[in-house]
Protein backbone atom coordinates (compact mmCIF):
# COMPACT_ATOMS: atom_id res chain seq x y z
CA UNK A 1 84.06 -6.56 -61.85
CA UNK A 2 80.49 -6.96 -60.58
CA UNK A 3 81.50 -5.32 -57.30
CA UNK A 4 83.27 -2.51 -59.16
CA UNK A 5 80.13 -1.77 -61.17
CA UNK A 6 78.07 -1.83 -57.98
CA UNK A 7 80.45 0.75 -56.52
CA UNK A 8 80.06 2.92 -59.64
CA UNK A 9 76.27 2.78 -59.41
CA UNK A 10 76.10 3.52 -55.69
CA UNK A 11 78.88 6.10 -55.43
CA UNK A 12 78.98 7.81 -58.82
CA UNK A 13 75.54 7.77 -60.43
CA UNK A 14 73.56 10.82 -59.35
CA UNK A 15 69.73 10.86 -59.18
CA UNK A 16 69.75 13.27 -62.13
CA UNK A 17 71.35 10.54 -64.28
CA UNK A 18 68.15 8.50 -64.00
CA UNK A 19 66.09 11.56 -64.93
CA UNK A 20 68.18 12.07 -68.05
CA UNK A 21 66.99 8.69 -69.35
CA UNK A 22 63.62 10.39 -69.95
CA UNK A 23 65.22 12.41 -72.74
CA UNK A 24 65.00 9.26 -74.86
CA UNK A 25 61.34 10.23 -75.37
CA UNK A 26 62.52 13.18 -77.49
CA UNK A 27 62.87 10.99 -80.58
CA UNK A 28 59.07 11.24 -80.75
CA UNK A 29 59.12 15.06 -81.11
CA UNK A 30 58.02 16.10 -84.63
CA UNK A 31 60.51 17.98 -86.79
CA UNK A 32 63.32 17.84 -84.25
CA UNK A 33 67.01 16.93 -84.77
CA UNK A 34 67.14 13.27 -83.76
CA UNK A 35 70.73 13.43 -82.50
CA UNK A 36 69.98 16.11 -79.89
CA UNK A 37 68.48 13.75 -77.25
CA UNK A 38 71.76 11.85 -77.33
CA UNK A 39 73.66 15.04 -76.54
CA UNK A 40 71.54 15.43 -73.41
CA UNK A 41 72.59 11.88 -72.58
CA UNK A 42 76.20 13.02 -72.91
CA UNK A 43 75.47 15.94 -70.57
CA UNK A 44 74.37 13.41 -67.96
CA UNK A 45 77.94 12.06 -67.90
CA UNK A 46 79.16 15.45 -66.68
CA UNK A 47 76.85 15.05 -63.69
CA UNK A 48 78.14 11.51 -63.19
CA UNK A 49 81.80 12.56 -63.16
CA UNK A 50 81.07 15.59 -60.99
CA UNK A 51 79.18 13.44 -58.50
CA UNK A 52 82.09 10.99 -58.44
CA UNK A 53 84.51 13.86 -57.83
CA UNK A 54 82.43 15.27 -54.95
CA UNK A 55 82.19 11.78 -53.41
CA UNK A 56 85.98 11.36 -53.65
CA UNK A 57 85.54 8.30 -55.86
CA UNK A 58 89.11 8.16 -57.14
CA UNK A 59 90.57 8.61 -53.66
CA UNK A 60 88.28 5.89 -52.32
CA UNK A 61 89.04 3.56 -55.22
CA UNK A 62 92.78 3.95 -54.72
CA UNK A 63 92.61 2.49 -51.22
CA UNK A 64 90.80 -0.59 -52.52
CA UNK A 65 92.78 -3.69 -53.62
CA UNK A 66 92.28 -2.86 -57.30
CA UNK A 67 94.46 -1.42 -60.05
CA UNK A 68 94.10 1.87 -61.88
CA UNK A 69 93.14 -0.06 -65.02
CA UNK A 70 90.25 -1.69 -63.16
CA UNK A 71 89.05 1.72 -62.00
CA UNK A 72 88.93 2.91 -65.60
CA UNK A 73 87.38 -0.32 -66.84
CA UNK A 74 84.45 -0.14 -64.40
CA UNK A 75 83.69 3.45 -65.42
CA UNK A 76 83.90 2.57 -69.11
CA UNK A 77 81.57 -0.39 -68.67
CA UNK A 78 79.02 1.64 -66.74
CA UNK A 79 78.95 4.52 -69.22
CA UNK A 80 78.79 2.14 -72.19
CA UNK A 81 75.87 0.34 -70.51
CA UNK A 82 74.15 3.68 -69.89
CA UNK A 83 74.54 4.59 -73.57
CA UNK A 84 73.07 1.26 -74.65
CA UNK A 85 70.12 1.58 -72.24
CA UNK A 86 69.39 5.14 -73.40
CA UNK A 87 69.53 4.05 -77.04
CA UNK A 88 67.22 1.07 -76.46
CA UNK A 89 64.76 3.26 -74.56
CA UNK A 90 64.55 5.65 -77.52
CA UNK A 91 63.74 2.90 -80.05
CA UNK A 92 60.03 2.42 -79.11
CA UNK A 93 59.43 6.17 -79.44
CA UNK A 94 61.11 6.21 -82.84
CA UNK A 95 58.86 3.35 -83.93
CA UNK A 96 55.78 5.13 -82.58
CA UNK A 97 56.71 8.24 -84.54
CA UNK A 98 57.13 6.20 -87.72
CA UNK A 99 53.53 4.96 -87.37
CA UNK A 100 51.77 7.90 -85.76
CA UNK A 101 53.98 10.93 -86.47
CA UNK A 102 52.67 13.84 -88.55
CA UNK A 103 55.12 13.19 -91.39
CA UNK A 104 58.80 13.12 -92.39
CA UNK A 105 61.27 14.89 -90.13
CA UNK A 106 62.22 18.17 -91.81
CA UNK A 107 64.89 18.90 -89.16
CA UNK A 108 67.36 16.25 -90.25
CA UNK A 109 67.63 12.50 -90.52
CA UNK A 110 64.71 10.22 -89.72
CA UNK A 111 65.00 8.00 -86.63
CA UNK A 112 65.49 4.92 -88.78
CA UNK A 113 67.88 1.95 -88.85
CA UNK A 114 70.70 4.01 -90.38
CA UNK A 115 70.23 6.71 -87.77
CA UNK A 116 70.88 4.26 -84.95
CA UNK A 117 74.05 3.07 -86.66
CA UNK A 118 75.26 6.65 -87.00
CA UNK A 119 74.28 7.60 -83.46
CA UNK A 120 76.42 4.73 -82.14
CA UNK A 121 79.35 6.24 -84.03
CA UNK A 122 78.54 9.69 -82.66
CA UNK A 123 78.47 8.40 -79.08
CA UNK A 124 81.74 6.56 -79.69
CA UNK A 125 83.44 9.76 -80.82
CA UNK A 126 82.21 11.73 -77.81
CA UNK A 127 83.16 8.98 -75.34
CA UNK A 128 86.64 8.54 -76.77
CA UNK A 129 87.44 12.25 -76.65
CA UNK A 130 85.89 12.71 -73.21
CA UNK A 131 87.41 9.69 -71.46
CA UNK A 132 90.90 9.96 -72.92
CA UNK A 133 91.00 13.66 -72.05
CA UNK A 134 89.66 13.17 -68.52
CA UNK A 135 92.00 10.33 -67.56
CA UNK A 136 95.03 12.23 -68.81
CA UNK A 137 94.91 14.15 -65.52
CA UNK A 138 91.89 12.64 -63.71
CA UNK A 139 90.99 16.06 -62.36
CA UNK A 140 87.89 18.14 -62.98
CA UNK A 141 85.66 16.91 -65.84
CA UNK A 142 84.74 20.34 -67.25
CA UNK A 143 87.46 20.74 -69.89
CA UNK A 144 87.25 17.10 -71.08
CA UNK A 145 83.49 17.53 -71.41
CA UNK A 146 84.00 20.70 -73.47
CA UNK A 147 86.33 18.79 -75.80
CA UNK A 148 83.79 15.99 -76.06
CA UNK A 149 81.03 18.49 -76.78
CA UNK A 150 83.02 20.05 -79.62
CA UNK A 151 83.67 16.59 -81.05
CA UNK A 152 79.96 15.76 -80.76
CA UNK A 153 78.73 18.85 -82.61
CA UNK A 154 81.42 18.68 -85.30
CA UNK A 155 80.35 15.08 -85.92
CA UNK A 156 76.69 16.14 -85.83
CA UNK A 157 77.33 18.69 -88.58
CA UNK A 158 79.26 16.13 -90.63
CA UNK A 159 76.43 13.59 -90.34
CA UNK A 160 73.50 15.95 -90.87
CA UNK A 161 74.84 18.20 -93.65
CA UNK A 162 74.46 15.55 -96.40
CA UNK A 163 70.87 14.93 -95.21
CA UNK A 164 70.00 18.61 -95.37
CA UNK A 165 71.61 18.84 -98.81
CA UNK A 166 70.32 15.56 -100.24
CA UNK A 167 68.36 17.30 -102.98
CA UNK A 168 71.50 19.18 -104.01
CA UNK A 169 73.87 16.21 -103.68
CA UNK A 170 71.29 13.96 -105.37
CA UNK A 171 72.94 10.67 -104.45
CA UNK A 172 70.76 7.55 -104.01
CA UNK A 173 72.79 6.46 -100.96
CA UNK A 174 72.14 9.74 -99.10
CA UNK A 175 68.45 9.63 -100.00
CA UNK A 176 68.23 6.03 -98.80
CA UNK A 177 69.76 6.96 -95.42
CA UNK A 178 66.92 9.41 -94.78
CA UNK A 179 64.05 7.11 -95.72
CA UNK A 180 61.86 5.17 -93.30
CA UNK A 181 60.12 2.77 -95.68
CA UNK A 182 60.67 -0.95 -95.17
CA UNK A 183 62.83 -1.48 -98.25
CA UNK A 184 65.17 1.39 -97.37
CA UNK A 185 65.56 0.28 -93.77
CA UNK A 186 66.54 -3.20 -94.87
CA UNK A 187 69.20 -1.57 -97.05
CA UNK A 188 70.32 0.44 -94.00
CA UNK A 189 71.16 -2.67 -91.95
CA UNK A 190 74.88 -2.59 -92.96
CA UNK A 191 75.06 0.96 -91.54
CA UNK A 192 73.64 -0.28 -88.24
CA UNK A 193 76.01 -3.26 -88.24
CA UNK A 194 78.97 -0.97 -88.90
CA UNK A 195 77.83 1.31 -86.07
CA UNK A 196 77.67 -1.60 -83.64
CA UNK A 197 81.16 -2.79 -84.61
CA UNK A 198 82.59 0.74 -84.32
CA UNK A 199 80.88 1.21 -80.94
CA UNK A 200 82.43 -1.98 -79.54
CA UNK A 201 85.90 -1.40 -80.97
CA UNK A 202 85.84 2.25 -79.95
CA UNK A 203 85.08 1.39 -76.32
CA UNK A 204 87.95 -1.11 -76.28
CA UNK A 205 90.26 1.59 -77.64
CA UNK A 206 88.82 4.20 -75.26
CA UNK A 207 89.48 1.93 -72.30
CA UNK A 208 93.04 1.08 -73.34
CA UNK A 209 94.08 4.68 -74.06
CA UNK A 210 92.35 6.02 -70.93
CA UNK A 211 93.85 3.31 -68.71
CA UNK A 212 97.35 3.90 -70.09
CA UNK A 213 97.01 7.61 -69.41
CA UNK A 214 95.56 7.12 -65.93
CA UNK A 215 98.45 4.83 -64.95
CA UNK A 216 100.84 7.74 -65.56
CA UNK A 217 98.87 10.13 -63.32
CA UNK A 218 100.56 10.79 -59.99
CA UNK A 219 97.80 10.68 -57.39
């Protein structure tokens, strides 16, 4: 698998994918929707899949002594690793904002412990929709990306609406999710833990469904 990942990095990752990692800095922007930087991360996957298509990655992979499932697994592992790296890169800027920012984020949820649990769920939803759609035909990535984008923004609305309406809903749990004080963030740890579990299980499911679909594609 190490060699497969090396092939993914050398043949599929485009230079622009490394540039997109800089969008992690956006969690430091005052009064800005904290989920948006992670959508730009998702956009980088379109460049990745396009670059792989232009470099005939699938055709090249099919002449190697590997199975279709291994082709899918290497792509899943690389994208999951990219998501984790992007998320970890954003954490220091979220911490810096908590200490030096001008005040609470009026454009949605704070970049707190609960946020990172929810963003893992959001990335899981996008990745599942995108990968399972793409490997159904293993053709151009445009339509699968559009489906993933719709799933991302529908999830974004579902996650952010309670935060925007917290004064109307007036539920302690919703208020707690949007707080950045120490006590609230300790209470948010189960949300982060749930996000991590969902992220892991979702990638296992994404791989299995995508691999099953790719095995049925006549190349």
